[in-house]
């Protein structure tokens, strides 16, 4: 009986997560990819034995940023039509800033300059915070 209840509870939890995942926009899915990759990269970027893994994570970040560039934030719908073009240009500029930061991190990792890579990775936080404050819908 306890196992059946446990399985039922787990099934319900998975269903809720699946329903939530279905609500995510393509942009939100790309942002989730970036969040997971940044978290993993921050744990290993200083480890020279994981250089190739770090480079692959950075490639994943760059790809997600590139794919995000062509998408629109959910908040776009609430922006007056007259301001949308500027809003989207600012969004694209923010994504380009993020992509540039990923390129710099990649160069540092490839050059085996792990302290610089850590420092550059730490600079992603403020870029993320700025972008979310401007473009993420509350």
Protein backbone atom coordinates (compact mmCIF):
# COMPACT_ATOMS: atom_id res chain seq x y z
CA UNK A 1 0.00 0.00 0.00
CA UNK A 2 2.79 2.43 0.91
CA UNK A 3 4.63 1.69 -2.34
CA UNK A 4 1.46 2.25 -4.36
CA UNK A 5 0.91 5.63 -2.66
CA UNK A 6 4.53 6.55 -3.24
CA UNK A 7 4.31 5.63 -6.92
CA UNK A 8 1.05 7.54 -7.28
CA UNK A 9 2.60 10.61 -5.63
CA UNK A 10 5.65 10.43 -7.87
CA UNK A 11 3.45 10.08 -10.93
CA UNK A 12 1.45 13.15 -9.96
CA UNK A 13 4.61 15.18 -9.37
CA UNK A 14 5.98 14.17 -12.77
CA UNK A 15 2.68 15.11 -14.40
CA UNK A 16 2.77 18.57 -12.82
CA UNK A 17 6.36 19.09 -14.01
CA UNK A 18 5.43 17.91 -17.50
CA UNK A 19 2.48 20.29 -17.64
CA UNK A 20 4.74 23.13 -16.50
CA UNK A 21 7.34 22.22 -19.14
CA UNK A 22 4.64 22.34 -21.82
CA UNK A 23 3.94 25.95 -20.82
CA UNK A 24 7.52 27.04 -21.39
CA UNK A 25 8.19 29.06 -24.50
CA UNK A 26 11.05 28.15 -26.84
CA UNK A 27 13.02 31.07 -25.37
CA UNK A 28 12.45 29.85 -21.83
CA UNK A 29 13.71 26.40 -22.84
CA UNK A 30 16.88 27.96 -24.27
CA UNK A 31 17.35 29.94 -21.07
CA UNK A 32 16.97 26.74 -19.03
CA UNK A 33 19.69 25.12 -21.16
CA UNK A 34 21.94 28.09 -20.47
CA UNK A 35 21.20 28.06 -16.73
CA UNK A 36 22.05 24.36 -16.40
CA UNK A 37 25.19 24.71 -18.53
CA UNK A 38 26.43 27.76 -16.62
CA UNK A 39 25.87 25.97 -13.32
CA UNK A 40 27.84 22.95 -14.48
CA UNK A 41 30.55 25.08 -16.07
CA UNK A 42 30.99 27.11 -12.87
CA UNK A 43 31.69 23.87 -11.00
CA UNK A 44 34.38 22.69 -13.39
CA UNK A 45 35.85 25.62 -15.30
CA UNK A 46 38.96 25.71 -13.12
CA UNK A 47 39.68 22.00 -13.58
CA UNK A 48 42.24 21.49 -16.36
CA UNK A 49 41.32 17.81 -16.63
CA UNK A 50 37.83 18.87 -17.75
CA UNK A 51 38.95 21.33 -20.41
CA UNK A 52 37.23 19.51 -23.27
CA UNK A 53 34.02 19.09 -21.28
CA UNK A 54 34.11 22.81 -20.47
CA UNK A 55 34.58 23.68 -24.13
CA UNK A 56 31.58 21.50 -25.02
CA UNK A 57 29.50 23.27 -22.36
CA UNK A 58 30.54 26.63 -23.76
CA UNK A 59 29.53 25.46 -27.24
CA UNK A 60 26.15 24.52 -25.79
CA UNK A 61 25.88 27.99 -24.25
CA UNK A 62 26.81 29.68 -27.50
CA UNK A 63 24.26 27.62 -29.44
CA UNK A 64 21.48 28.37 -26.94
CA UNK A 65 22.32 32.09 -27.05
CA UNK A 66 22.34 32.04 -30.85
CA UNK A 67 18.95 30.31 -30.94
CA UNK A 68 17.60 32.74 -28.33
CA UNK A 69 18.56 35.72 -30.44
CA UNK A 70 15.82 34.99 -32.97
CA UNK A 71 13.13 34.48 -30.34
CA UNK A 72 11.02 37.04 -28.54
CA UNK A 73 10.60 37.31 -24.79
CA UNK A 74 7.12 36.64 -23.46
CA UNK A 75 7.08 40.24 -22.21
CA UNK A 76 7.07 41.49 -25.83
CA UNK A 77 3.28 41.12 -26.01
CA UNK A 78 2.83 43.64 -23.18
CA UNK A 79 5.05 46.27 -24.82
CA UNK A 80 3.19 48.94 -26.82
CA UNK A 81 3.55 48.38 -30.57
CA UNK A 82 5.38 51.70 -30.95
CA UNK A 83 8.10 50.54 -28.52
CA UNK A 84 8.44 46.91 -29.63
CA UNK A 85 11.11 47.44 -32.25
CA UNK A 86 13.40 49.14 -29.73
CA UNK A 87 12.57 46.55 -27.07
CA UNK A 88 13.50 43.69 -29.42
CA UNK A 89 16.66 45.49 -30.58
CA UNK A 90 17.68 45.94 -26.94
CA UNK A 91 16.93 42.27 -26.29
CA UNK A 92 19.05 41.21 -29.26
CA UNK A 93 21.86 43.46 -28.06
CA UNK A 94 21.71 41.84 -24.61
CA UNK A 95 21.92 38.36 -26.14
CA UNK A 96 24.89 39.48 -28.26
CA UNK A 97 26.57 40.74 -25.07
CA UNK A 98 26.02 37.32 -23.53
CA UNK A 99 27.37 35.56 -26.63
CA UNK A 100 30.45 37.76 -26.55
CA UNK A 101 31.03 36.82 -22.91
CA UNK A 102 30.77 33.12 -23.83
CA UNK A 103 33.34 33.63 -26.59
CA UNK A 104 35.74 35.26 -24.13
CA UNK A 105 35.32 32.40 -21.67
CA UNK A 106 35.95 29.89 -24.44
CA UNK A 107 39.16 31.68 -25.47
CA UNK A 108 40.40 31.68 -21.87
CA UNK A 109 39.64 27.96 -21.42
CA UNK A 110 41.32 27.07 -24.70
CA UNK A 111 44.37 29.11 -23.63
CA UNK A 112 44.32 27.21 -20.33
CA UNK A 113 43.89 30.45 -18.44
CA UNK A 114 41.43 29.05 -15.93
CA UNK A 115 41.57 31.94 -13.45
CA UNK A 116 40.57 34.34 -16.20
CA UNK A 117 37.82 31.94 -17.32
CA UNK A 118 36.46 31.86 -13.75
CA UNK A 119 36.52 35.64 -13.60
CA UNK A 120 34.76 35.96 -16.95
CA UNK A 121 32.18 33.38 -15.92
CA UNK A 122 31.48 35.37 -12.75
CA UNK A 123 30.69 38.36 -14.98
CA UNK A 124 27.78 36.43 -16.51
CA UNK A 125 25.70 36.95 -13.36
CA UNK A 126 25.28 40.72 -13.79
CA UNK A 127 24.52 40.27 -17.52
CA UNK A 128 21.83 37.74 -16.61
CA UNK A 129 20.40 39.97 -13.88
CA UNK A 130 20.28 42.98 -16.21
CA UNK A 131 18.63 40.96 -18.97
CA UNK A 132 16.05 39.41 -16.70
CA UNK A 133 15.15 42.77 -15.17
CA UNK A 134 14.52 44.25 -18.62
CA UNK A 135 13.09 41.35 -20.60
CA UNK A 136 11.64 38.70 -18.30
CA UNK A 137 7.96 38.95 -17.56
CA UNK A 138 7.13 38.95 -13.85
